PDB file of N, CA and C in Angstrom:
ATOM      1  N   MET A   1      24.493 -32.487 -31.981  1.00  0.00           N
ATOM      2  CA  MET A   1      23.817 -31.693 -32.994  1.00  0.00           C
ATOM      3  C   MET A   1      23.370 -30.380 -32.360  1.00  0.00           C
ATOM      4  N   GLU A   2      23.700 -29.292 -32.975  1.00  0.00           N
ATOM      5  CA  GLU A   2      23.347 -27.976 -32.461  1.00  0.00           C
ATOM      6  C   GLU A   2      22.234 -27.393 -33.306  1.00  0.00           C
ATOM      7  N   VAL A   3      21.213 -26.900 -32.630  1.00  0.00           N
ATOM      8  CA  VAL A   3      20.085 -26.293 -33.321  1.00  0.00           C
ATOM      9  C   VAL A   3      20.065 -24.814 -32.988  1.00  0.00           C
ATOM     10  N   GLN A   4      19.974 -23.986 -33.999  1.00  0.00           N
ATOM     11  CA  GLN A   4      19.890 -22.551 -33.779  1.00  0.00           C
ATOM     12  C   GLN A   4      18.538 -22.056 -34.257  1.00  0.00           C
ATOM     13  N   LEU A   5      17.933 -21.238 -33.451  1.00  0.00           N
ATOM     14  CA  LEU A   5      16.640 -20.671 -33.798  1.00  0.00           C
ATOM     15  C   LEU A   5      16.805 -19.181 -34.031  1.00  0.00           C
ATOM     16  N   ALA A   6      16.199 -18.699 -35.075  1.00  0.00           N
ATOM     17  CA  ALA A   6      16.203 -17.262 -35.345  1.00  0.00           C
ATOM     18  C   ALA A   6      14.851 -16.710 -34.910  1.00  0.00           C
ATOM     19  N   VAL A   7      14.872 -15.741 -34.057  1.00  0.00           N
ATOM     20  CA  VAL A   7      13.634 -15.128 -33.578  1.00  0.00           C
ATOM     21  C   VAL A   7      13.550 -13.735 -34.170  1.00  0.00           C
ATOM     22  N   GLU A   8      12.494 -13.461 -34.891  1.00  0.00           N
ATOM     23  CA  GLU A   8      12.285 -12.152 -35.511  1.00  0.00           C
ATOM     24  C   GLU A   8      11.584 -11.247 -34.514  1.00  0.00           C
ATOM     25  N   PRO A   9      12.189 -10.136 -34.129  1.00  0.00           N
ATOM     26  CA  PRO A   9      11.519  -9.247 -33.185  1.00  0.00           C
ATOM     27  C   PRO A   9      10.286  -8.605 -33.808  1.00  0.00           C
ATOM     28  N   LEU A  10       9.300  -8.314 -32.961  1.00  0.00           N
ATOM     29  CA  LEU A  10       8.089  -7.666 -33.457  1.00  0.00           C
ATOM     30  C   LEU A  10       8.391  -6.256 -33.949  1.00  0.00           C
ATOM     31  N   ILE A  11       9.317  -5.592 -33.272  1.00  0.00           N
ATOM     32  CA  ILE A  11       9.715  -4.250 -33.666  1.00  0.00           C
ATOM     33  C   ILE A  11      11.221  -4.289 -33.851  1.00  0.00           C
ATOM     34  N   SER A  12      11.690  -4.062 -35.050  1.00  0.00           N
ATOM     35  CA  SER A  12      13.110  -4.229 -35.337  1.00  0.00           C
ATOM     36  C   SER A  12      13.964  -3.154 -34.682  1.00  0.00           C
ATOM     37  N   ASP A  13      14.987  -3.596 -33.946  1.00  0.00           N
ATOM     38  CA  ASP A  13      15.990  -2.715 -33.329  1.00  0.00           C
ATOM     39  C   ASP A  13      15.408  -1.597 -32.478  1.00  0.00           C
ATOM     40  N   LEU A  14      14.263  -1.787 -31.872  1.00  0.00           N
ATOM     41  CA  LEU A  14      13.676  -0.741 -31.044  1.00  0.00           C
ATOM     42  C   LEU A  14      14.555  -0.443 -29.841  1.00  0.00           C
ATOM     43  N   SER A  15      15.223  -1.482 -29.324  1.00  0.00           N
ATOM     44  CA  SER A  15      16.068  -1.275 -28.153  1.00  0.00           C
ATOM     45  C   SER A  15      17.272  -0.397 -28.471  1.00  0.00           C
ATOM     46  N   CYS A  16      17.637  -0.292 -29.734  1.00  0.00           N
ATOM     47  CA  CYS A  16      18.780   0.537 -30.114  1.00  0.00           C
ATOM     48  C   CYS A  16      18.386   2.001 -30.277  1.00  0.00           C
ATOM     49  N   ARG A  17      17.105   2.273 -30.303  1.00  0.00           N
ATOM     50  CA  ARG A  17      16.635   3.643 -30.501  1.00  0.00           C
ATOM     51  C   ARG A  17      15.682   4.029 -29.380  1.00  0.00           C
ATOM     52  N   PRO A  18      16.215   4.354 -28.196  1.00  0.00           N
ATOM     53  CA  PRO A  18      15.311   4.701 -27.093  1.00  0.00           C
ATOM     54  C   PRO A  18      14.425   5.879 -27.452  1.00  0.00           C
ATOM     55  N   GLY A  19      13.162   5.758 -27.149  1.00  0.00           N
ATOM     56  CA  GLY A  19      12.234   6.854 -27.398  1.00  0.00           C
ATOM     57  C   GLY A  19      11.648   6.878 -28.790  1.00  0.00           C
ATOM     58  N   ASP A  20      12.098   6.008 -29.692  1.00  0.00           N
ATOM     59  CA  ASP A  20      11.549   5.975 -31.050  1.00  0.00           C
ATOM     60  C   ASP A  20      10.519   4.849 -31.124  1.00  0.00           C
ATOM     61  N   PHE A  21       9.270   5.233 -31.051  1.00  0.00           N
ATOM     62  CA  PHE A  21       8.195   4.244 -31.054  1.00  0.00           C
ATOM     63  C   PHE A  21       7.359   4.345 -32.324  1.00  0.00           C
ATOM     64  N   SER A  22       7.947   4.859 -33.385  1.00  0.00           N
ATOM     65  CA  SER A  22       7.204   5.094 -34.624  1.00  0.00           C
ATOM     66  C   SER A  22       6.688   3.805 -35.258  1.00  0.00           C
ATOM     67  N   GLU A  23       7.322   2.677 -34.945  1.00  0.00           N
ATOM     68  CA  GLU A  23       6.886   1.418 -35.548  1.00  0.00           C
ATOM     69  C   GLU A  23       5.763   0.741 -34.771  1.00  0.00           C
ATOM     70  N   LEU A  24       5.407   1.303 -33.614  1.00  0.00           N
ATOM     71  CA  LEU A  24       4.296   0.727 -32.851  1.00  0.00           C
ATOM     72  C   LEU A  24       2.973   1.014 -33.541  1.00  0.00           C
ATOM     73  N   PRO A  25       1.996   0.146 -33.365  1.00  0.00           N
ATOM     74  CA  PRO A  25       0.666   0.429 -33.914  1.00  0.00           C
ATOM     75  C   PRO A  25       0.065   1.647 -33.205  1.00  0.00           C
ATOM     76  N   PRO A  26      -0.856   2.368 -33.861  1.00  0.00           N
ATOM     77  CA  PRO A  26      -1.421   3.603 -33.289  1.00  0.00           C
ATOM     78  C   PRO A  26      -1.995   3.436 -31.883  1.00  0.00           C
ATOM     79  N   TYR A  27      -2.704   2.332 -31.609  1.00  0.00           N
ATOM     80  CA  TYR A  27      -3.299   2.173 -30.283  1.00  0.00           C
ATOM     81  C   TYR A  27      -2.205   2.097 -29.209  1.00  0.00           C
ATOM     82  N   ALA A  28      -1.075   1.511 -29.513  1.00  0.00           N
ATOM     83  CA  ALA A  28       0.016   1.410 -28.544  1.00  0.00           C
ATOM     84  C   ALA A  28       0.699   2.765 -28.353  1.00  0.00           C
ATOM     85  N   ARG A  29       0.812   3.544 -29.417  1.00  0.00           N
ATOM     86  CA  ARG A  29       1.422   4.873 -29.297  1.00  0.00           C
ATOM     87  C   ARG A  29       0.572   5.777 -28.413  1.00  0.00           C
ATOM     88  N   HIS A  30      -0.748   5.608 -28.432  1.00  0.00           N
ATOM     89  CA  HIS A  30      -1.634   6.410 -27.571  1.00  0.00           C
ATOM     90  C   HIS A  30      -1.377   6.098 -26.093  1.00  0.00           C
ATOM     91  N   LEU A  31      -1.024   4.857 -25.776  1.00  0.00           N
ATOM     92  CA  LEU A  31      -0.736   4.499 -24.387  1.00  0.00           C
ATOM     93  C   LEU A  31       0.483   5.249 -23.863  1.00  0.00           C
ATOM     94  N   LEU A  32       1.388   5.627 -24.756  1.00  0.00           N
ATOM     95  CA  LEU A  32       2.601   6.349 -24.346  1.00  0.00           C
ATOM     96  C   LEU A  32       2.301   7.761 -23.873  1.00  0.00           C
ATOM     97  N   LYS A  33       1.073   8.251 -24.105  1.00  0.00           N
ATOM     98  CA  LYS A  33       0.694   9.602 -23.703  1.00  0.00           C
ATOM     99  C   LYS A  33       0.065   9.650 -22.309  1.00  0.00           C
ATOM    100  N   VAL A  34      -0.102   8.491 -21.669  1.00  0.00           N
ATOM    101  CA  VAL A  34      -0.699   8.435 -20.336  1.00  0.00           C
ATOM    102  C   VAL A  34       0.310   8.989 -19.326  1.00  0.00           C
ATOM    103  N   SER A  35      -0.137   9.926 -18.489  1.00  0.00           N
ATOM    104  CA  SER A  35       0.726  10.508 -17.462  1.00  0.00           C
ATOM    105  C   SER A  35       0.712   9.637 -16.211  1.00  0.00           C
ATOM    106  N   VAL A  36       1.890   9.416 -15.661  1.00  0.00           N
ATOM    107  CA  VAL A  36       2.020   8.656 -14.415  1.00  0.00           C
ATOM    108  C   VAL A  36       2.928   9.438 -13.466  1.00  0.00           C
ATOM    109  N   PRO A  37       2.739   9.277 -12.155  1.00  0.00           N
ATOM    110  CA  PRO A  37       3.606  10.001 -11.217  1.00  0.00           C
ATOM    111  C   PRO A  37       5.024   9.453 -11.231  1.00  0.00           C
ATOM    112  N   VAL A  38       6.001  10.356 -11.239  1.00  0.00           N
ATOM    113  CA  VAL A  38       7.418   9.996 -11.195  1.00  0.00           C
ATOM    114  C   VAL A  38       8.023  10.707  -9.989  1.00  0.00           C
ATOM    115  N   SER A  39       8.729   9.948  -9.141  1.00  0.00           N
ATOM    116  CA  SER A  39       9.353  10.558  -7.964  1.00  0.00           C
ATOM    117  C   SER A  39      10.716   9.931  -7.723  1.00  0.00           C
ATOM    118  N   VAL A  40      11.571  10.677  -7.049  1.00  0.00           N
ATOM    119  CA  VAL A  40      12.888  10.193  -6.669  1.00  0.00           C
ATOM    120  C   VAL A  40      12.914  10.124  -5.157  1.00  0.00           C
ATOM    121  N   GLN A  41      13.321   8.966  -4.644  1.00  0.00           N
ATOM    122  CA  GLN A  41      13.360   8.787  -3.196  1.00  0.00           C
ATOM    123  C   GLN A  41      14.798   8.857  -2.713  1.00  0.00           C
ATOM    124  N   LEU A  42      15.045   9.790  -1.819  1.00  0.00           N
ATOM    125  CA  LEU A  42      16.358   9.927  -1.215  1.00  0.00           C
ATOM    126  C   LEU A  42      16.597   8.775  -0.247  1.00  0.00           C
ATOM    127  N   VAL A  43      15.668   8.580   0.658  1.00  0.00           N
ATOM    128  CA  VAL A  43      15.779   7.521   1.660  1.00  0.00           C
ATOM    129  C   VAL A  43      14.402   7.322   2.289  1.00  0.00           C
ATOM    130  N   GLY A  44      14.182   6.187   2.877  1.00  0.00           N
ATOM    131  CA  GLY A  44      12.912   5.910   3.541  1.00  0.00           C
ATOM    132  C   GLY A  44      13.145   5.213   4.867  1.00  0.00           C
ATOM    133  N   LYS A  45      12.181   5.352   5.745  1.00  0.00           N
ATOM    134  CA  LYS A  45      12.305   4.730   7.063  1.00  0.00           C
ATOM    135  C   LYS A  45      10.921   4.631   7.679  1.00  0.00           C
ATOM    136  N   LYS A  46      10.686   3.572   8.414  1.00  0.00           N
ATOM    137  CA  LYS A  46       9.437   3.444   9.168  1.00  0.00           C
ATOM    138  C   LYS A  46       9.714   3.824  10.606  1.00  0.00           C
ATOM    139  N   GLN A  47       8.798   4.606  11.164  1.00  0.00           N
ATOM    140  CA  GLN A  47       8.905   5.000  12.563  1.00  0.00           C
ATOM    141  C   GLN A  47       7.541   4.830  13.221  1.00  0.00           C
ATOM    142  N   THR A  48       7.562   4.658  14.513  1.00  0.00           N
ATOM    143  CA  THR A  48       6.299   4.538  15.240  1.00  0.00           C
ATOM    144  C   THR A  48       5.637   5.917  15.294  1.00  0.00           C
ATOM    145  N   ILE A  49       4.353   5.913  15.437  1.00  0.00           N
ATOM    146  CA  ILE A  49       3.611   7.170  15.565  1.00  0.00           C
ATOM    147  C   ILE A  49       4.089   7.920  16.806  1.00  0.00           C
ATOM    148  N   ASN A  50       4.434   7.183  17.856  1.00  0.00           N
ATOM    149  CA  ASN A  50       4.949   7.805  19.073  1.00  0.00           C
ATOM    150  C   ASN A  50       6.220   8.616  18.766  1.00  0.00           C
ATOM    151  N   ASP A  51       7.147   8.041  17.982  1.00  0.00           N
ATOM    152  CA  ASP A  51       8.382   8.757  17.621  1.00  0.00           C
ATOM    153  C   ASP A  51       8.078   9.975  16.747  1.00  0.00           C
ATOM    154  N   ILE A  52       7.131   9.846  15.860  1.00  0.00           N
ATOM    155  CA  ILE A  52       6.789  10.941  14.955  1.00  0.00           C
ATOM    156  C   ILE A  52       6.162  12.103  15.728  1.00  0.00           C
ATOM    157  N   THR A  53       5.335  11.792  16.717  1.00  0.00           N
ATOM    158  CA  THR A  53       4.684  12.871  17.493  1.00  0.00           C
ATOM    159  C   THR A  53       5.680  13.638  18.346  1.00  0.00           C
ATOM    160  N   ARG A  54       6.864  13.089  18.560  1.00  0.00           N
ATOM    161  CA  ARG A  54       7.892  13.768  19.365  1.00  0.00           C
ATOM    162  C   ARG A  54       8.795  14.678  18.520  1.00  0.00           C
ATOM    163  N   LEU A  55       8.586  14.706  17.210  1.00  0.00           N
ATOM    164  CA  LEU A  55       9.418  15.545  16.350  1.00  0.00           C
ATOM    165  C   LEU A  55       9.093  17.015  16.570  1.00  0.00           C
ATOM    166  N   VAL A  56      10.136  17.834  16.636  1.00  0.00           N
ATOM    167  CA  VAL A  56       9.993  19.277  16.777  1.00  0.00           C
ATOM    168  C   VAL A  56      10.982  19.921  15.807  1.00  0.00           C
ATOM    169  N   PRO A  57      10.802  21.211  15.497  1.00  0.00           N
ATOM    170  CA  PRO A  57      11.791  21.865  14.645  1.00  0.00           C
ATOM    171  C   PRO A  57      13.202  21.687  15.223  1.00  0.00           C
ATOM    172  N   GLY A  58      14.121  21.256  14.383  1.00  0.00           N
ATOM    173  CA  GLY A  58      15.492  21.004  14.817  1.00  0.00           C
ATOM    174  C   GLY A  58      15.765  19.538  15.106  1.00  0.00           C
ATOM    175  N   SER A  59      14.725  18.699  15.137  1.00  0.00           N
ATOM    176  CA  SER A  59      14.930  17.263  15.357  1.00  0.00           C
ATOM    177  C   SER A  59      15.719  16.687  14.187  1.00  0.00           C
ATOM    178  N   ILE A  60      16.537  15.695  14.465  1.00  0.00           N
ATOM    179  CA  ILE A  60      17.306  15.007  13.424  1.00  0.00           C
ATOM    180  C   ILE A  60      16.872  13.558  13.393  1.00  0.00           C
ATOM    181  N   ILE A  61      16.570  13.078  12.209  1.00  0.00           N
ATOM    182  CA  ILE A  61      16.211  11.676  12.013  1.00  0.00           C
ATOM    183  C   ILE A  61      17.398  11.010  11.326  1.00  0.00           C
ATOM    184  N   ASN A  62      17.934   9.973  11.926  1.00  0.00           N
ATOM    185  CA  ASN A  62      19.057   9.238  11.339  1.00  0.00           C
ATOM    186  C   ASN A  62      18.541   8.151  10.408  1.00  0.00           C
ATOM    187  N   PHE A  63      19.206   8.010   9.265  1.00  0.00           N
ATOM    188  CA  PHE A  63      18.853   6.987   8.292  1.00  0.00           C
ATOM    189  C   PHE A  63      20.036   6.052   8.105  1.00  0.00           C
ATOM    190  N   ASP A  64      19.756   4.847   7.644  1.00  0.00           N
ATOM    191  CA  ASP A  64      20.790   3.837   7.461  1.00  0.00           C
ATOM    192  C   ASP A  64      21.507   3.956   6.108  1.00  0.00           C
ATOM    193  N   LYS A  65      20.990   4.746   5.207  1.00  0.00           N
ATOM    194  CA  LYS A  65      21.541   4.833   3.855  1.00  0.00           C
ATOM    195  C   LYS A  65      22.783   5.724   3.829  1.00  0.00           C
ATOM    196  N   SER A  66      23.792   5.282   3.096  1.00  0.00           N
ATOM    197  CA  SER A  66      25.026   6.044   2.947  1.00  0.00           C
ATOM    198  C   SER A  66      24.799   7.263   2.056  1.00  0.00           C
ATOM    199  N   CYS A  67      25.578   8.310   2.277  1.00  0.00           N
ATOM    200  CA  CYS A  67      25.477   9.521   1.451  1.00  0.00           C
ATOM    201  C   CYS A  67      25.853   9.247   0.000  1.00  0.00           C
ATOM    202  N   ASP A  68      26.659   8.205  -0.242  1.00  0.00           N
ATOM    203  CA  ASP A  68      27.113   7.876  -1.593  1.00  0.00           C
ATOM    204  C   ASP A  68      26.176   6.909  -2.312  1.00  0.00           C
ATOM    205  N   ALA A  69      25.188   6.379  -1.619  1.00  0.00           N
ATOM    206  CA  ALA A  69      24.276   5.399  -2.225  1.00  0.00           C
ATOM    207  C   ALA A  69      23.421   6.069  -3.289  1.00  0.00           C
ATOM    208  N   PRO A  70      23.101   5.338  -4.367  1.00  0.00           N
ATOM    209  CA  PRO A  70      22.278   5.931  -5.430  1.00  0.00           C
ATOM    210  C   PRO A  70      20.858   6.213  -4.958  1.00  0.00           C
ATOM    211  N   LEU A  71      20.232   7.192  -5.614  1.00  0.00           N
ATOM    212  CA  LEU A  71      18.827   7.505  -5.357  1.00  0.00           C
ATOM    213  C   LEU A  71      17.970   6.564  -6.180  1.00  0.00           C
ATOM    214  N   GLU A  72      16.717   6.404  -5.789  1.00  0.00           N
ATOM    215  CA  GLU A  72      15.819   5.498  -6.499  1.00  0.00           C
ATOM    216  C   GLU A  72      14.716   6.283  -7.193  1.00  0.00           C
ATOM    217  N   LEU A  73      14.479   5.934  -8.441  1.00  0.00           N
ATOM    218  CA  LEU A  73      13.427   6.554  -9.249  1.00  0.00           C
ATOM    219  C   LEU A  73      12.220   5.627  -9.258  1.00  0.00           C
ATOM    220  N   PHE A  74      11.078   6.173  -8.855  1.00  0.00           N
ATOM    221  CA  PHE A  74       9.840   5.399  -8.842  1.00  0.00           C
ATOM    222  C   PHE A  74       8.897   5.951  -9.908  1.00  0.00           C
ATOM    223  N   VAL A  75       8.312   5.054 -10.671  1.00  0.00           N
ATOM    224  CA  VAL A  75       7.308   5.412 -11.663  1.00  0.00           C
ATOM    225  C   VAL A  75       6.029   4.711 -11.245  1.00  0.00           C
ATOM    226  N   ASN A  76       5.001   5.504 -10.971  1.00  0.00           N
ATOM    227  CA  ASN A  76       3.730   4.966 -10.487  1.00  0.00           C
ATOM    228  C   ASN A  76       3.942   4.098  -9.239  1.00  0.00           C
ATOM    229  N   ASN A  77       4.795   4.579  -8.329  1.00  0.00           N
ATOM    230  CA  ASN A  77       5.111   3.910  -7.065  1.00  0.00           C
ATOM    231  C   ASN A  77       5.820   2.568  -7.220  1.00  0.00           C
ATOM    232  N   ARG A  78       6.437   2.339  -8.370  1.00  0.00           N
ATOM    233  CA  ARG A  78       7.220   1.118  -8.591  1.00  0.00           C
ATOM    234  C   ARG A  78       8.641   1.502  -8.946  1.00  0.00           C
ATOM    235  N   LEU A  79       9.600   0.820  -8.328  1.00  0.00           N
ATOM    236  CA  LEU A  79      11.001   1.107  -8.586  1.00  0.00           C
ATOM    237  C   LEU A  79      11.315   0.865 -10.066  1.00  0.00           C
ATOM    238  N   ALA A  80      11.872   1.876 -10.730  1.00  0.00           N
ATOM    239  CA  ALA A  80      12.161   1.774 -12.158  1.00  0.00           C
ATOM    240  C   ALA A  80      13.640   1.940 -12.472  1.00  0.00           C
ATOM    241  N   ALA A  81      14.358   2.724 -11.650  1.00  0.00           N
ATOM    242  CA  ALA A  81      15.767   2.983 -11.945  1.00  0.00           C
ATOM    243  C   ALA A  81      16.475   3.502 -10.704  1.00  0.00           C
ATOM    244  N   ARG A  82      17.805   3.517 -10.805  1.00  0.00           N
ATOM    245  CA  ARG A  82      18.642   4.113  -9.769  1.00  0.00           C
ATOM    246  C   ARG A  82      19.602   5.076 -10.452  1.00  0.00           C
ATOM    247  N   GLY A  83      20.045   6.087  -9.708  1.00  0.00           N
ATOM    248  CA  GLY A  83      20.961   7.036 -10.305  1.00  0.00           C
ATOM    249  C   GLY A  83      21.574   7.976  -9.291  1.00  0.00           C
ATOM    250  N   GLU A  84      22.374   8.890  -9.814  1.00  0.00           N
ATOM    251  CA  GLU A  84      23.103   9.853  -9.006  1.00  0.00           C
ATOM    252  C   GLU A  84      22.511  11.249  -9.184  1.00  0.00           C
ATOM    253  N   THR A  85      22.590  12.037  -8.133  1.00  0.00           N
ATOM    254  CA  THR A  85      22.127  13.417  -8.180  1.00  0.00           C
ATOM    255  C   THR A  85      23.083  14.238  -9.035  1.00  0.00           C
ATOM    256  N   VAL A  86      22.523  15.075  -9.910  1.00  0.00           N
ATOM    257  CA  VAL A  86      23.324  15.997 -10.711  1.00  0.00           C
ATOM    258  C   VAL A  86      22.686  17.380 -10.625  1.00  0.00           C
ATOM    259  N   LYS A  87      23.490  18.386 -10.875  1.00  0.00           N
ATOM    260  CA  LYS A  87      22.986  19.756 -10.888  1.00  0.00           C
ATOM    261  C   LYS A  87      22.692  20.129 -12.340  1.00  0.00           C
ATOM    262  N   VAL A  88      21.485  20.615 -12.583  1.00  0.00           N
ATOM    263  CA  VAL A  88      21.069  21.055 -13.913  1.00  0.00           C
ATOM    264  C   VAL A  88      20.692  22.522 -13.786  1.00  0.00           C
ATOM    265  N   GLY A  89      21.647  23.394 -14.118  1.00  0.00           N
ATOM    266  CA  GLY A  89      21.425  24.821 -13.897  1.00  0.00           C
ATOM    267  C   GLY A  89      21.333  25.078 -12.411  1.00  0.00           C
ATOM    268  N   GLU A  90      20.213  25.647 -11.978  1.00  0.00           N
ATOM    269  CA  GLU A  90      19.989  25.903 -10.555  1.00  0.00           C
ATOM    270  C   GLU A  90      19.070  24.858  -9.924  1.00  0.00           C
ATOM    271  N   ARG A  91      18.877  23.753 -10.598  1.00  0.00           N
ATOM    272  CA  ARG A  91      17.971  22.705 -10.111  1.00  0.00           C
ATOM    273  C   ARG A  91      18.700  21.380  -9.985  1.00  0.00           C
ATOM    274  N   PHE A  92      18.019  20.428  -9.358  1.00  0.00           N
ATOM    275  CA  PHE A  92      18.563  19.084  -9.231  1.00  0.00           C
ATOM    276  C   PHE A  92      18.052  18.209 -10.354  1.00  0.00           C
ATOM    277  N   GLY A  93      18.827  17.181 -10.689  1.00  0.00           N
ATOM    278  CA  GLY A  93      18.414  16.193 -11.667  1.00  0.00           C
ATOM    279  C   GLY A  93      18.883  14.822 -11.204  1.00  0.00           C
ATOM    280  N   LEU A  94      18.504  13.808 -11.929  1.00  0.00           N
ATOM    281  CA  LEU A  94      18.914  12.434 -11.630  1.00  0.00           C
ATOM    282  C   LEU A  94      19.542  11.850 -12.882  1.00  0.00           C
ATOM    283  N   GLN A  95      20.793  11.453 -12.795  1.00  0.00           N
ATOM    284  CA  GLN A  95      21.457  10.791 -13.916  1.00  0.00           C
ATOM    285  C   GLN A  95      21.299   9.295 -13.704  1.00  0.00           C
ATOM    286  N   ILE A  96      20.576   8.651 -14.605  1.00  0.00           N
ATOM    287  CA  ILE A  96      20.257   7.229 -14.480  1.00  0.00           C
ATOM    288  C   ILE A  96      21.517   6.400 -14.673  1.00  0.00           C
ATOM    289  N   SER A  97      21.772   5.509 -13.732  1.00  0.00           N
ATOM    290  CA  SER A  97      22.922   4.613 -13.851  1.00  0.00           C
ATOM    291  C   SER A  97      22.489   3.154 -13.991  1.00  0.00           C
ATOM    292  N   GLU A  98      21.240   2.866 -13.619  1.00  0.00           N
ATOM    293  CA  GLU A  98      20.763   1.476 -13.667  1.00  0.00           C
ATOM    294  C   GLU A  98      19.255   1.463 -13.871  1.00  0.00           C
ATOM    295  N   ILE A  99      18.794   0.663 -14.812  1.00  0.00           N
ATOM    296  CA  ILE A  99      17.363   0.431 -15.008  1.00  0.00           C
ATOM    297  C   ILE A  99      16.996  -0.827 -14.227  1.00  0.00           C
ATOM    298  N   VAL A 100      15.936  -0.763 -13.467  1.00  0.00           N
ATOM    299  CA  VAL A 100      15.496  -1.901 -12.669  1.00  0.00           C
ATOM    300  C   VAL A 100      14.324  -2.551 -13.375  1.00  0.00           C
ATOM    301  N   LEU A 101      14.507  -3.784 -13.800  1.00  0.00           N
ATOM    302  CA  LEU A 101      13.438  -4.506 -14.487  1.00  0.00           C
ATOM    303  C   LEU A 101      12.457  -5.055 -13.464  1.00  0.00           C
ATOM    304  N   PRO A 102      11.182  -5.093 -13.821  1.00  0.00           N
ATOM    305  CA  PRO A 102      10.192  -5.645 -12.880  1.00  0.00           C
ATOM    306  C   PRO A 102      10.444  -7.137 -12.679  1.00  0.00           C
ATOM    307  N   PRO A 103      10.070  -7.657 -11.518  1.00  0.00           N
ATOM    308  CA  PRO A 103      10.264  -9.090 -11.282  1.00  0.00           C
ATOM    309  C   PRO A 103       9.411  -9.905 -12.245  1.00  0.00           C
ATOM    310  N   GLU A 104       9.975 -11.008 -12.662  1.00  0.00           N
ATOM    311  CA  GLU A 104       9.219 -11.892 -13.559  1.00  0.00           C
ATOM    312  C   GLU A 104       8.403 -12.840 -12.707  1.00  0.00           C
ATOM    313  N   ASN A 105       7.143 -12.946 -13.044  1.00  0.00           N
ATOM    314  CA  ASN A 105       6.255 -13.852 -12.316  1.00  0.00           C
ATOM    315  C   ASN A 105       5.907 -15.025 -13.208  1.00  0.00           C
ATOM    316  N   PHE A 106       6.304 -16.187 -12.773  1.00  0.00           N
ATOM    317  CA  PHE A 106       6.009 -17.384 -13.530  1.00  0.00           C
ATOM    318  C   PHE A 106       5.051 -18.247 -12.732  1.00  0.00           C
ATOM    319  N   ALA A 107       4.138 -18.866 -13.426  1.00  0.00           N
ATOM    320  CA  ALA A 107       3.205 -19.778 -12.783  1.00  0.00           C
ATOM    321  C   ALA A 107       3.500 -21.187 -13.266  1.00  0.00           C
ATOM    322  N   ALA A 108       3.383 -22.131 -12.372  1.00  0.00           N
ATOM    323  CA  ALA A 108       3.614 -23.517 -12.744  1.00  0.00           C
ATOM    324  C   ALA A 108       2.549 -23.962 -13.740  1.00  0.00           C
ATOM    325  N   VAL A 109       2.974 -24.678 -14.743  1.00  0.00           N
ATOM    326  CA  VAL A 109       2.053 -25.197 -15.754  1.00  0.00           C
ATOM    327  C   VAL A 109       1.745 -26.635 -15.410  1.00  0.00           C
ATOM    328  N   LYS A 110       0.461 -26.931 -15.304  1.00  0.00           N
ATOM    329  CA  LYS A 110       0.049 -28.289 -14.970  1.00  0.00           C
ATOM    330  C   LYS A 110      -0.238 -29.051 -16.233  1.00  0.00           C
ATOM    331  N   LYS A 111       0.156 -30.305 -16.228  1.00  0.00           N
ATOM    332  CA  LYS A 111      -0.154 -31.170 -17.382  1.00  0.00           C
ATOM    333  C   LYS A 111      -1.629 -31.498 -17.375  1.00  0.00           C
ATOM    334  N   ARG A 112      -2.197 -31.442 -18.567  1.00  0.00           N
ATOM    335  CA  ARG A 112      -3.606 -31.875 -18.688  1.00  0.00           C
ATOM    336  C   ARG A 112      -3.616 -33.354 -19.010  1.00  0.00           C
ATOM    337  N   PRO A 113      -4.546 -34.048 -18.406  1.00  0.00           N
ATOM    338  CA  PRO A 113      -4.631 -35.480 -18.734  1.00  0.00           C
ATOM    339  C   PRO A 113      -5.005 -35.652 -20.205  1.00  0.00           C
ATOM    340  N   VAL A 114      -4.356 -36.589 -20.839  1.00  0.00           N
ATOM    341  CA  VAL A 114      -4.611 -36.878 -22.244  1.00  0.00           C
ATOM    342  C   VAL A 114      -5.767 -37.861 -22.336  1.00  0.00           C
ATOM    343  N   GLY A 115      -6.687 -37.543 -23.227  1.00  0.00           N
ATOM    344  CA  GLY A 115      -7.730 -38.527 -23.437  1.00  0.00           C
ATOM    345  C   GLY A 115      -9.079 -38.032 -23.312  1.00  0.00           C
TER     346      GLY A 115
END
């Protein structure tokens, strides 16, 4: 026997219309106006303070990341997306190729004693 469940979304087809939040309640739309820092990270590396104090103009720091590897977009210091560098006029831009979903945190549910 097969059982099918129909789940009605709270906001219909919102995923099909990126950026259209008109169906959200007013208090939720106000949250969309909060500014958060957005940055793109080319590459990162940890070095000892001793190595850093030896840096002089002309020093080269080698990184393990390939030149073809995607850049990472951080929103409020959390990884949000990856993408490729693009030229927008005389400036740089990031073309998003992958959205990174936050990790899901599940907690074990304990049975309550009956009675």
